[in-house]
Amino acid sequence: MSIKVSVIVPVYNVEEYVRECIQSVLNQSLKEIEVIIVNDGSTDNSINCIEDFIKIDNVKLINQNNQGLSVARNTGIDVAQGEYILFVDSDDYIESEFIEKLYSEAKIYDLDIAISSHSKLLKEIKEAQKRDNSLITDKPISGCEFMYKQLKLKDKKNEVWDDLFKRKFLQDNNIKFLPGILYEDTLFTPKTLIYANKVKYIESYGYIYRQRGNSITKSEIGEKNINNLITIIEKLIELY
């Protein structure tokens, strides 16, 4: 089977949510996918919760010592075989036609990145995170053009998990996540847009982002986090 999309799911201590996440990926209408689960040194029952899924042919489990989200995603990129790559966080889930919708558009226009949006789930209430209609274009545009549109609109989206990336595009430009920092998407996303020749916004809210009060993005920003943000800014400057 030719693999159209590799879905990379880093897992670290999410026993409450991981089964729903993996089940949603396996329920996709697009069947030519592989699921790469990267167990980043979980110490709870996360992997036991999905033991039956690991036996499925198109599901791969990679166990590694805890090294953080960036390294876990990079591990998935290294073994991925699909034409395109999707990142799904293990406490989130996706609706059944989400991947097919993005992949179909990506193939029609030979996109480097198929960009979409998501729905936020808070206390079991889903809310579509709608973006400005001017981001919708008839034809692909360059990543720099898209980023310029975002800046004009003050659109702060930078998460990677509701976008589809061509694997060859990431490989050819040696694009990976920087290890050892928080807010790793804040560096990865602009870098991909700088290098991308063809991107297109596809209006979709089928990625369900679970907003948790104790998640790392909701924690108080301390000195270490500020240093991480400084590192990100410095790395972005190096790209220009």
Foldseek 3Di string as FASTA:
>chain_A
DAAAEEEQEEDAAPLVFQVQAVVQVCLAPDNRYAYEYEDQQHPDCNCVSCVVVCPDPRYDYHYDHHFDDQVSVVVSLVPDRHQKYAYAYRNWHFHRHLVVQQSVVCVVQVWQKEAEFAWEADPNDTHFPDDDPVLADPHWAALVVSVVVCVVVVPPDQDRRSMMGGSVLCVVVVQGFDTDAPPRSLQRRSVSRVSTGTYGYDYDHRIYHYDDCPDPVNDDDDPRNVVRVVVSVVVVVVVD
